[in-house]
Amino acid sequence: MASQVSISGWLLLGLILLMLALIGAVIYLSLRLRKSAAGSLGMESRYQEM
């Protein structure tokens, strides 16, 4: 029983780390896209108003 708990715990930890990595990648990509598109689309001022 203890081995099953530790295995599920490791799976949960891996899932949380995977989610954090995905969220970090999405934030990183959105920041890069926002910086590259700020000059042509003027999205910087739109985000500052919000």
N, C-alpha and C. Protein backbone atom coordinates (compact mmCIF):
# COMPACT_ATOMS: atom_id res chain seq x y z
N MET A 1 0.83 -1.21 0.00
CA MET A 1 0.00 0.00 0.00
C MET A 1 0.87 1.26 0.00
N ALA A 2 1.95 1.20 0.75
CA ALA A 2 2.82 2.38 0.83
C ALA A 2 3.47 2.65 -0.53
N SER A 3 3.80 1.58 -1.26
CA SER A 3 4.44 1.78 -2.57
C SER A 3 3.46 2.42 -3.55
N GLN A 4 2.19 2.03 -3.48
CA GLN A 4 1.19 2.64 -4.35
C GLN A 4 1.03 4.13 -4.05
N VAL A 5 1.05 4.48 -2.77
CA VAL A 5 0.91 5.89 -2.39
C VAL A 5 2.09 6.69 -2.90
N SER A 6 3.31 6.14 -2.77
CA SER A 6 4.49 6.87 -3.22
C SER A 6 4.49 7.01 -4.75
N ILE A 7 4.04 5.94 -5.44
CA ILE A 7 3.99 6.01 -6.90
C ILE A 7 2.99 7.07 -7.36
N SER A 8 1.81 7.07 -6.75
CA SER A 8 0.82 8.07 -7.14
C SER A 8 1.29 9.47 -6.76
N GLY A 9 2.03 9.57 -5.66
CA GLY A 9 2.57 10.87 -5.26
C GLY A 9 3.58 11.38 -6.27
N TRP A 10 4.44 10.48 -6.75
CA TRP A 10 5.43 10.89 -7.76
C TRP A 10 4.74 11.26 -9.07
N LEU A 11 3.68 10.53 -9.43
CA LEU A 11 2.94 10.87 -10.65
C LEU A 11 2.29 12.24 -10.51
N LEU A 12 1.72 12.52 -9.33
CA LEU A 12 1.09 13.82 -9.10
C LEU A 12 2.13 14.92 -9.16
N LEU A 13 3.31 14.67 -8.56
CA LEU A 13 4.38 15.67 -8.59
C LEU A 13 4.84 15.91 -10.03
N GLY A 14 4.98 14.85 -10.81
CA GLY A 14 5.38 15.00 -12.20
C GLY A 14 4.34 15.76 -13.00
N LEU A 15 3.07 15.50 -12.72
CA LEU A 15 1.99 16.19 -13.43
C LEU A 15 2.01 17.68 -13.10
N ILE A 16 2.23 18.01 -11.82
CA ILE A 16 2.29 19.42 -11.42
C ILE A 16 3.47 20.11 -12.08
N LEU A 17 4.62 19.44 -12.11
CA LEU A 17 5.80 20.03 -12.74
C LEU A 17 5.57 20.23 -14.24
N LEU A 18 4.89 19.27 -14.87
CA LEU A 18 4.59 19.38 -16.30
C LEU A 18 3.67 20.57 -16.56
N MET A 19 2.66 20.73 -15.72
CA MET A 19 1.74 21.86 -15.87
C MET A 19 2.47 23.19 -15.69
N LEU A 20 3.35 23.25 -14.68
CA LEU A 20 4.12 24.48 -14.46
C LEU A 20 5.01 24.78 -15.66
N ALA A 21 5.61 23.74 -16.24
CA ALA A 21 6.47 23.94 -17.41
C ALA A 21 5.65 24.44 -18.59
N LEU A 22 4.46 23.88 -18.78
CA LEU A 22 3.60 24.32 -19.89
C LEU A 22 3.15 25.77 -19.70
N ILE A 23 2.76 26.11 -18.46
CA ILE A 23 2.33 27.48 -18.19
C ILE A 23 3.49 28.45 -18.42
N GLY A 24 4.69 28.06 -17.96
CA GLY A 24 5.86 28.92 -18.15
C GLY A 24 6.16 29.11 -19.63
N ALA A 25 6.03 28.03 -20.41
CA ALA A 25 6.31 28.14 -21.84
C ALA A 25 5.29 29.05 -22.53
N VAL A 26 4.02 28.94 -22.13
CA VAL A 26 2.98 29.78 -22.73
C VAL A 26 3.23 31.25 -22.39
N ILE A 27 3.59 31.53 -21.13
CA ILE A 27 3.87 32.92 -20.73
C ILE A 27 5.08 33.44 -21.49
N TYR A 28 6.12 32.60 -21.61
CA TYR A 28 7.34 33.02 -22.30
C TYR A 28 7.05 33.33 -23.77
N LEU A 29 6.29 32.46 -24.42
CA LEU A 29 5.97 32.67 -25.83
C LEU A 29 5.09 33.89 -26.03
N SER A 30 4.13 34.09 -25.13
CA SER A 30 3.25 35.25 -25.26
C SER A 30 4.03 36.55 -25.06
N LEU A 31 4.99 36.54 -24.14
CA LEU A 31 5.81 37.74 -23.93
C LEU A 31 6.66 38.02 -25.17
N ARG A 32 7.22 36.96 -25.78
CA ARG A 32 8.03 37.15 -26.99
C ARG A 32 7.16 37.67 -28.13
N LEU A 33 5.97 37.09 -28.29
CA LEU A 33 5.09 37.53 -29.37
C LEU A 33 4.63 38.96 -29.14
N ARG A 34 4.36 39.30 -27.86
CA ARG A 34 3.91 40.66 -27.56
C ARG A 34 5.01 41.66 -27.86
N LYS A 35 6.26 41.31 -27.53
CA LYS A 35 7.37 42.23 -27.79
C LYS A 35 7.57 42.42 -29.29
N SER A 36 7.47 41.32 -30.06
CA SER A 36 7.71 41.41 -31.49
C SER A 36 6.55 42.10 -32.21
N ALA A 37 5.34 41.97 -31.65
CA ALA A 37 4.17 42.55 -32.31
C ALA A 37 3.83 43.94 -31.77
N ALA A 38 4.56 44.41 -30.77
CA ALA A 38 4.21 45.69 -30.15
C ALA A 38 4.40 46.84 -31.14
N GLY A 39 5.43 46.76 -31.97
CA GLY A 39 5.71 47.87 -32.87
C GLY A 39 4.66 47.99 -33.97
N SER A 40 4.17 46.86 -34.49
CA SER A 40 3.27 46.92 -35.64
C SER A 40 1.81 47.02 -35.21
N LEU A 41 1.43 46.33 -34.13
CA LEU A 41 0.02 46.29 -33.74
C LEU A 41 -0.31 47.26 -32.62
N GLY A 42 0.70 47.75 -31.91
CA GLY A 42 0.44 48.65 -30.79
C GLY A 42 -0.29 47.97 -29.65
N MET A 43 0.06 46.71 -29.35
CA MET A 43 -0.60 45.98 -28.28
C MET A 43 -0.09 46.41 -26.91
N GLU A 44 1.09 47.01 -26.84
CA GLU A 44 1.68 47.43 -25.57
C GLU A 44 0.77 48.42 -24.87
N SER A 45 0.28 49.45 -25.59
CA SER A 45 -0.57 50.46 -24.97
C SER A 45 -1.91 49.84 -24.55
N ARG A 46 -2.39 48.87 -25.31
CA ARG A 46 -3.66 48.23 -24.98
C ARG A 46 -3.54 47.46 -23.67
N TYR A 47 -2.39 46.80 -23.46
CA TYR A 47 -2.21 46.04 -22.22
C TYR A 47 -1.97 46.98 -21.04
N GLN A 48 -1.35 48.14 -21.28
CA GLN A 48 -1.10 49.07 -20.18
C GLN A 48 -2.41 49.68 -19.69
N GLU A 49 -3.37 49.87 -20.58
CA GLU A 49 -4.67 50.41 -20.17
C GLU A 49 -5.41 49.42 -19.29
N MET A 50 -5.29 48.13 -19.59
CA MET A 50 -5.93 47.11 -18.78
C MET A 50 -5.16 46.96 -17.48
